[in-house]
Amino acid sequence: MQNNMAEDLKNIMKEGWLEKESRVFKSWRKRWFVLTTTTLYTFKVEKQHTNPTEIIPLSTISTIKSCQEETNKENTFKIDTPETTFFLMSNNNLEKEAWIGAIGKAMVKLHMKKNQKDDDFD
């Protein structure tokens, strides 16, 4: 996995600080998020791409959307996967929308690439 991650991290599309709600204690923790063409990673230290705290393959994300009503916090959004829902918070609305847009765009590109490969086998 480490080798694939190192290769994947050569294709960074967006990175920056967001807060993520912890699954167990429900407290908000600052994490360095890195979006590549296939994966969303979280790290404890900025620009230090080792020992990710989360590895979220874009292919597992079913939805990504604002969730202020659910969290009662501004600038929050959530990522749904079959295993869990990740609640994230940015510093401002512009940043939140930029992350939602970047992740959504990466998901579409990945889906199109997969469909193209599937078509090659028809």
N, C-alpha and C. Protein backbone atom coordinates (compact mmCIF):
# COMPACT_ATOMS: atom_id res chain seq x y z
N MET A 1 0.82 -1.21 0.00
CA MET A 1 0.00 0.00 0.00
C MET A 1 0.86 1.26 0.00
N GLN A 2 1.96 1.24 0.77
CA GLN A 2 2.83 2.41 0.86
C GLN A 2 3.35 2.80 -0.51
N ASN A 3 3.70 1.81 -1.33
CA ASN A 3 4.21 2.08 -2.67
C ASN A 3 3.15 2.73 -3.54
N ASN A 4 1.91 2.18 -3.50
CA ASN A 4 0.80 2.75 -4.27
C ASN A 4 0.50 4.16 -3.80
N MET A 5 0.57 4.40 -2.49
CA MET A 5 0.28 5.71 -1.94
C MET A 5 1.33 6.71 -2.41
N ALA A 6 2.59 6.33 -2.38
CA ALA A 6 3.67 7.21 -2.84
C ALA A 6 3.46 7.59 -4.30
N GLU A 7 3.05 6.61 -5.09
CA GLU A 7 2.79 6.86 -6.52
C GLU A 7 1.57 7.76 -6.68
N ASP A 8 0.51 7.47 -5.92
CA ASP A 8 -0.72 8.25 -5.98
C ASP A 8 -0.48 9.71 -5.58
N LEU A 9 0.38 9.92 -4.59
CA LEU A 9 0.63 11.28 -4.09
C LEU A 9 1.42 12.15 -5.07
N LYS A 10 1.79 11.56 -6.21
CA LYS A 10 2.41 12.36 -7.29
C LYS A 10 1.33 13.09 -8.08
N ASN A 11 0.06 12.74 -7.84
CA ASN A 11 -1.08 13.31 -8.58
C ASN A 11 -2.00 14.11 -7.67
N ILE A 12 -1.44 15.02 -6.90
CA ILE A 12 -2.23 15.83 -5.96
C ILE A 12 -3.04 16.88 -6.73
N MET A 13 -4.35 16.90 -6.46
CA MET A 13 -5.25 17.86 -7.09
C MET A 13 -5.56 19.04 -6.16
N LYS A 14 -5.57 18.75 -4.84
CA LYS A 14 -5.88 19.80 -3.86
C LYS A 14 -5.38 19.32 -2.51
N GLU A 15 -4.91 20.27 -1.70
CA GLU A 15 -4.56 19.92 -0.32
C GLU A 15 -4.73 21.14 0.57
N GLY A 16 -4.99 20.87 1.86
CA GLY A 16 -5.18 21.95 2.80
C GLY A 16 -5.78 21.46 4.10
N TRP A 17 -5.87 22.38 5.07
CA TRP A 17 -6.40 22.05 6.39
C TRP A 17 -7.93 22.04 6.40
N LEU A 18 -8.49 21.01 7.01
CA LEU A 18 -9.91 20.92 7.32
C LEU A 18 -10.01 20.32 8.71
N GLU A 19 -11.16 20.48 9.33
CA GLU A 19 -11.39 19.78 10.59
C GLU A 19 -12.30 18.60 10.30
N LYS A 20 -12.01 17.50 10.99
CA LYS A 20 -12.77 16.27 10.81
C LYS A 20 -13.32 15.84 12.16
N GLU A 21 -14.60 15.48 12.18
CA GLU A 21 -15.18 15.00 13.43
C GLU A 21 -14.71 13.57 13.68
N SER A 22 -14.17 13.34 14.87
CA SER A 22 -13.70 11.98 15.19
C SER A 22 -14.91 11.07 15.36
N ARG A 23 -14.75 9.83 14.96
CA ARG A 23 -15.86 8.88 14.98
C ARG A 23 -16.26 8.49 16.40
N VAL A 24 -15.28 8.36 17.28
CA VAL A 24 -15.55 7.86 18.63
C VAL A 24 -15.97 8.98 19.58
N PHE A 25 -15.15 10.02 19.68
CA PHE A 25 -15.40 11.06 20.68
C PHE A 25 -16.22 12.24 20.16
N LYS A 26 -16.46 12.26 18.86
CA LYS A 26 -17.25 13.32 18.23
C LYS A 26 -16.64 14.72 18.43
N SER A 27 -15.33 14.77 18.68
CA SER A 27 -14.67 16.07 18.78
C SER A 27 -14.07 16.41 17.41
N TRP A 28 -13.84 17.68 17.16
CA TRP A 28 -13.33 18.12 15.86
C TRP A 28 -11.81 18.21 15.93
N ARG A 29 -11.15 17.58 14.95
CA ARG A 29 -9.69 17.55 14.92
C ARG A 29 -9.18 18.09 13.59
N LYS A 30 -8.18 18.93 13.69
CA LYS A 30 -7.58 19.52 12.50
C LYS A 30 -6.73 18.47 11.78
N ARG A 31 -6.94 18.34 10.48
CA ARG A 31 -6.19 17.38 9.67
C ARG A 31 -5.78 18.02 8.35
N TRP A 32 -4.64 17.59 7.82
CA TRP A 32 -4.16 18.02 6.51
C TRP A 32 -4.75 17.05 5.50
N PHE A 33 -5.63 17.55 4.63
CA PHE A 33 -6.29 16.73 3.61
C PHE A 33 -5.56 16.82 2.29
N VAL A 34 -5.41 15.68 1.64
CA VAL A 34 -4.76 15.61 0.34
C VAL A 34 -5.67 14.83 -0.60
N LEU A 35 -6.09 15.51 -1.67
CA LEU A 35 -6.93 14.89 -2.69
C LEU A 35 -6.08 14.56 -3.91
N THR A 36 -6.08 13.28 -4.28
CA THR A 36 -5.39 12.87 -5.51
C THR A 36 -6.46 12.47 -6.53
N THR A 37 -6.02 11.95 -7.65
CA THR A 37 -6.96 11.56 -8.70
C THR A 37 -7.79 10.34 -8.31
N THR A 38 -7.37 9.61 -7.25
CA THR A 38 -8.10 8.40 -6.86
C THR A 38 -8.50 8.33 -5.39
N THR A 39 -7.90 9.18 -4.54
CA THR A 39 -8.03 8.98 -3.10
C THR A 39 -8.03 10.31 -2.35
N LEU A 40 -8.71 10.32 -1.20
CA LEU A 40 -8.65 11.44 -0.27
C LEU A 40 -7.94 10.93 0.98
N TYR A 41 -6.80 11.55 1.33
CA TYR A 41 -6.01 11.16 2.49
C TYR A 41 -6.11 12.25 3.56
N THR A 42 -5.95 11.85 4.83
CA THR A 42 -5.81 12.83 5.90
C THR A 42 -4.54 12.51 6.68
N PHE A 43 -3.85 13.58 7.09
CA PHE A 43 -2.61 13.45 7.85
C PHE A 43 -2.65 14.41 9.03
N LYS A 44 -1.83 14.14 10.03
CA LYS A 44 -1.77 15.02 11.20
C LYS A 44 -0.87 16.23 10.94
N VAL A 45 0.11 16.08 10.03
CA VAL A 45 1.10 17.13 9.80
C VAL A 45 1.03 17.62 8.35
N GLU A 46 1.06 18.93 8.18
CA GLU A 46 1.01 19.56 6.86
C GLU A 46 2.18 19.13 5.99
N LYS A 47 1.88 18.76 4.75
CA LYS A 47 2.87 18.41 3.72
C LYS A 47 3.75 17.21 4.09
N GLN A 48 3.42 16.50 5.14
CA GLN A 48 4.16 15.30 5.53
C GLN A 48 3.29 14.09 5.20
N HIS A 49 3.50 13.53 4.03
CA HIS A 49 2.61 12.50 3.49
C HIS A 49 2.98 11.09 3.94
N THR A 50 3.06 10.90 5.25
CA THR A 50 3.32 9.57 5.80
C THR A 50 2.30 9.30 6.91
N ASN A 51 2.03 8.03 7.14
CA ASN A 51 1.09 7.61 8.19
C ASN A 51 -0.25 8.33 8.13
N PRO A 52 -1.00 8.14 7.06
CA PRO A 52 -2.31 8.82 6.97
C PRO A 52 -3.25 8.35 8.08
N THR A 53 -4.07 9.30 8.57
CA THR A 53 -5.06 8.94 9.59
C THR A 53 -6.32 8.38 8.94
N GLU A 54 -6.56 8.74 7.68
CA GLU A 54 -7.67 8.18 6.90
C GLU A 54 -7.22 8.01 5.46
N ILE A 55 -7.72 6.96 4.82
CA ILE A 55 -7.52 6.75 3.38
C ILE A 55 -8.91 6.46 2.83
N ILE A 56 -9.43 7.40 2.02
CA ILE A 56 -10.79 7.27 1.49
C ILE A 56 -10.70 7.16 -0.04
N PRO A 57 -10.84 5.95 -0.58
CA PRO A 57 -10.85 5.82 -2.04
C PRO A 57 -12.06 6.55 -2.62
N LEU A 58 -11.84 7.37 -3.63
CA LEU A 58 -12.94 8.13 -4.23
C LEU A 58 -14.02 7.21 -4.78
N SER A 59 -13.63 6.02 -5.20
CA SER A 59 -14.60 5.07 -5.77
C SER A 59 -15.61 4.59 -4.73
N THR A 60 -15.31 4.79 -3.43
CA THR A 60 -16.24 4.33 -2.38
C THR A 60 -17.20 5.43 -1.94
N ILE A 61 -16.98 6.66 -2.39
CA ILE A 61 -17.82 7.78 -1.95
C ILE A 61 -19.13 7.77 -2.73
N SER A 62 -20.25 7.72 -1.99
CA SER A 62 -21.55 7.74 -2.66
C SER A 62 -22.08 9.17 -2.79
N THR A 63 -21.89 10.00 -1.75
CA THR A 63 -22.32 11.40 -1.83
C THR A 63 -21.36 12.30 -1.06
N ILE A 64 -21.34 13.56 -1.49
CA ILE A 64 -20.62 14.61 -0.78
C ILE A 64 -21.50 15.84 -0.83
N LYS A 65 -21.82 16.41 0.34
CA LYS A 65 -22.72 17.56 0.34
C LYS A 65 -22.63 18.34 1.65
N SER A 66 -23.13 19.58 1.61
CA SER A 66 -23.20 20.43 2.80
C SER A 66 -24.06 19.76 3.86
N CYS A 67 -23.76 20.03 5.14
CA CYS A 67 -24.56 19.39 6.19
C CYS A 67 -24.68 20.27 7.43
N GLN A 68 -24.76 21.58 7.24
CA GLN A 68 -24.86 22.52 8.37
C GLN A 68 -26.03 22.19 9.28
N GLU A 69 -27.16 21.78 8.69
CA GLU A 69 -28.36 21.48 9.47
C GLU A 69 -28.11 20.28 10.38
N GLU A 70 -27.33 19.32 9.89
CA GLU A 70 -27.06 18.10 10.64
C GLU A 70 -26.07 18.33 11.79
N THR A 71 -25.07 19.18 11.54
CA THR A 71 -24.01 19.39 12.53
C THR A 71 -24.24 20.63 13.40
N ASN A 72 -25.14 21.51 12.95
CA ASN A 72 -25.34 22.80 13.61
C ASN A 72 -24.06 23.63 13.65
N LYS A 73 -23.22 23.43 12.64
CA LYS A 73 -21.98 24.20 12.52
C LYS A 73 -21.88 24.73 11.09
N GLU A 74 -21.39 25.96 10.96
CA GLU A 74 -21.23 26.54 9.63
C GLU A 74 -20.07 25.87 8.90
N ASN A 75 -20.13 25.93 7.58
CA ASN A 75 -19.05 25.46 6.70
C ASN A 75 -18.72 23.98 6.86
N THR A 76 -19.74 23.18 7.16
CA THR A 76 -19.53 21.74 7.27
C THR A 76 -20.09 21.02 6.05
N PHE A 77 -19.47 19.90 5.75
CA PHE A 77 -19.96 19.03 4.68
C PHE A 77 -19.64 17.60 5.06
N LYS A 78 -20.32 16.68 4.39
CA LYS A 78 -20.12 15.27 4.73
C LYS A 78 -19.82 14.45 3.50
N ILE A 79 -19.08 13.39 3.73
CA ILE A 79 -18.73 12.42 2.70
C ILE A 79 -19.30 11.09 3.16
N ASP A 80 -20.18 10.52 2.36
CA ASP A 80 -20.77 9.21 2.68
C ASP A 80 -20.05 8.10 1.93
N THR A 81 -19.67 7.06 2.67
CA THR A 81 -19.13 5.84 2.07
C THR A 81 -19.94 4.68 2.66
N PRO A 82 -19.83 3.49 2.10
CA PRO A 82 -20.58 2.36 2.66
C PRO A 82 -20.24 2.08 4.12
N GLU A 83 -18.99 2.31 4.52
CA GLU A 83 -18.56 2.00 5.87
C GLU A 83 -18.89 3.10 6.87
N THR A 84 -18.81 4.36 6.47
CA THR A 84 -18.97 5.45 7.42
C THR A 84 -19.32 6.77 6.73
N THR A 85 -19.69 7.73 7.54
CA THR A 85 -19.90 9.10 7.07
C THR A 85 -18.86 9.97 7.74
N PHE A 86 -18.13 10.74 6.93
CA PHE A 86 -17.11 11.65 7.43
C PHE A 86 -17.71 13.05 7.48
N PHE A 87 -17.64 13.71 8.64
CA PHE A 87 -18.10 15.09 8.77
C PHE A 87 -16.87 15.99 8.80
N LEU A 88 -16.86 16.97 7.89
CA LEU A 88 -15.71 17.86 7.73
C LEU A 88 -16.13 19.30 7.87
N MET A 89 -15.19 20.16 8.28
CA MET A 89 -15.48 21.58 8.44
C MET A 89 -14.30 22.40 7.92
N SER A 90 -14.63 23.41 7.10
CA SER A 90 -13.61 24.30 6.57
C SER A 90 -13.68 25.64 7.31
N ASN A 91 -12.72 26.53 7.00
CA ASN A 91 -12.68 27.84 7.66
C ASN A 91 -13.78 28.79 7.18
N ASN A 92 -14.21 28.59 5.92
CA ASN A 92 -15.23 29.49 5.36
C ASN A 92 -16.02 28.77 4.26
N ASN A 93 -17.10 29.41 3.83
CA ASN A 93 -17.98 28.81 2.83
C ASN A 93 -17.27 28.60 1.49
N LEU A 94 -16.44 29.55 1.09
CA LEU A 94 -15.72 29.46 -0.19
C LEU A 94 -14.83 28.22 -0.21
N GLU A 95 -14.12 28.01 0.88
CA GLU A 95 -13.24 26.85 1.00
C GLU A 95 -14.05 25.55 0.99
N LYS A 96 -15.18 25.56 1.71
CA LYS A 96 -16.06 24.38 1.74
C LYS A 96 -16.52 24.03 0.33
N GLU A 97 -17.00 25.03 -0.39
CA GLU A 97 -17.48 24.79 -1.76
C GLU A 97 -16.35 24.33 -2.68
N ALA A 98 -15.15 24.86 -2.46
CA ALA A 98 -13.99 24.45 -3.28
C ALA A 98 -13.67 22.97 -3.05
N TRP A 99 -13.72 22.53 -1.80
CA TRP A 99 -13.46 21.12 -1.50
C TRP A 99 -14.54 20.21 -2.08
N ILE A 100 -15.80 20.59 -1.89
CA ILE A 100 -16.90 19.79 -2.44
C ILE A 100 -16.75 19.69 -3.96
N GLY A 101 -16.45 20.82 -4.60
CA GLY A 101 -16.29 20.83 -6.06
C GLY A 101 -15.11 19.99 -6.52
N ALA A 102 -13.97 20.11 -5.84
CA ALA A 102 -12.77 19.37 -6.23
C ALA A 102 -12.95 17.86 -6.07
N ILE A 103 -13.56 17.47 -4.94
CA ILE A 103 -13.78 16.03 -4.71
C ILE A 103 -14.81 15.49 -5.71
N GLY A 104 -15.87 16.26 -5.92
CA GLY A 104 -16.89 15.84 -6.90
C GLY A 104 -16.31 15.70 -8.30
N LYS A 105 -15.50 16.66 -8.70
CA LYS A 105 -14.87 16.63 -10.03
C LYS A 105 -13.94 15.41 -10.15
N ALA A 106 -13.16 15.14 -9.11
CA ALA A 106 -12.25 13.99 -9.12
C ALA A 106 -13.04 12.69 -9.21
N MET A 107 -14.19 12.62 -8.52
CA MET A 107 -15.04 11.43 -8.57
C MET A 107 -15.55 11.20 -9.98
N VAL A 108 -15.99 12.27 -10.64
CA VAL A 108 -16.52 12.16 -12.01
C VAL A 108 -15.41 11.70 -12.96
N LYS A 109 -14.24 12.31 -12.84
CA LYS A 109 -13.11 11.93 -13.71
C LYS A 109 -12.74 10.46 -13.52
N LEU A 110 -12.71 10.02 -12.27
CA LEU A 110 -12.38 8.63 -11.97
C LEU A 110 -13.43 7.69 -12.56
N HIS A 111 -14.70 8.06 -12.42
CA HIS A 111 -15.80 7.25 -12.96
C HIS A 111 -15.72 7.17 -14.49
N MET A 112 -15.41 8.31 -15.13
CA MET A 112 -15.30 8.33 -16.60
C MET A 112 -14.12 7.47 -17.05
N LYS A 113 -13.03 7.54 -16.32
CA LYS A 113 -11.84 6.74 -16.65
C LYS A 113 -12.16 5.26 -16.53
N LYS A 114 -12.89 4.88 -15.47
CA LYS A 114 -13.28 3.49 -15.27
C LYS A 114 -14.20 3.03 -16.40
N ASN A 115 -15.17 3.86 -16.76
CA ASN A 115 -16.09 3.51 -17.84
C ASN A 115 -15.36 3.35 -19.16
N GLN A 116 -14.37 4.21 -19.39
CA GLN A 116 -13.57 4.12 -20.61
C GLN A 116 -12.84 2.79 -20.65
N LYS A 117 -12.26 2.38 -19.51
CA LYS A 117 -11.56 1.09 -19.44
C LYS A 117 -12.53 -0.05 -19.66
N ASP A 118 -13.74 0.04 -19.07
CA ASP A 118 -14.77 -0.98 -19.26
C ASP A 118 -15.15 -1.11 -20.73
N ASP A 119 -15.27 0.05 -21.40
CA ASP A 119 -15.63 0.06 -22.82
C ASP A 119 -14.54 -0.61 -23.67
N ASP A 120 -13.31 -0.50 -23.25
CA ASP A 120 -12.20 -1.10 -24.00
C ASP A 120 -12.29 -2.62 -24.04
N PHE A 121 -13.00 -3.18 -23.07
CA PHE A 121 -13.13 -4.64 -23.01
C PHE A 121 -14.38 -5.18 -23.71
N ASP A 122 -15.23 -4.29 -24.18
CA ASP A 122 -16.45 -4.72 -24.87
C ASP A 122 -16.17 -5.27 -26.24
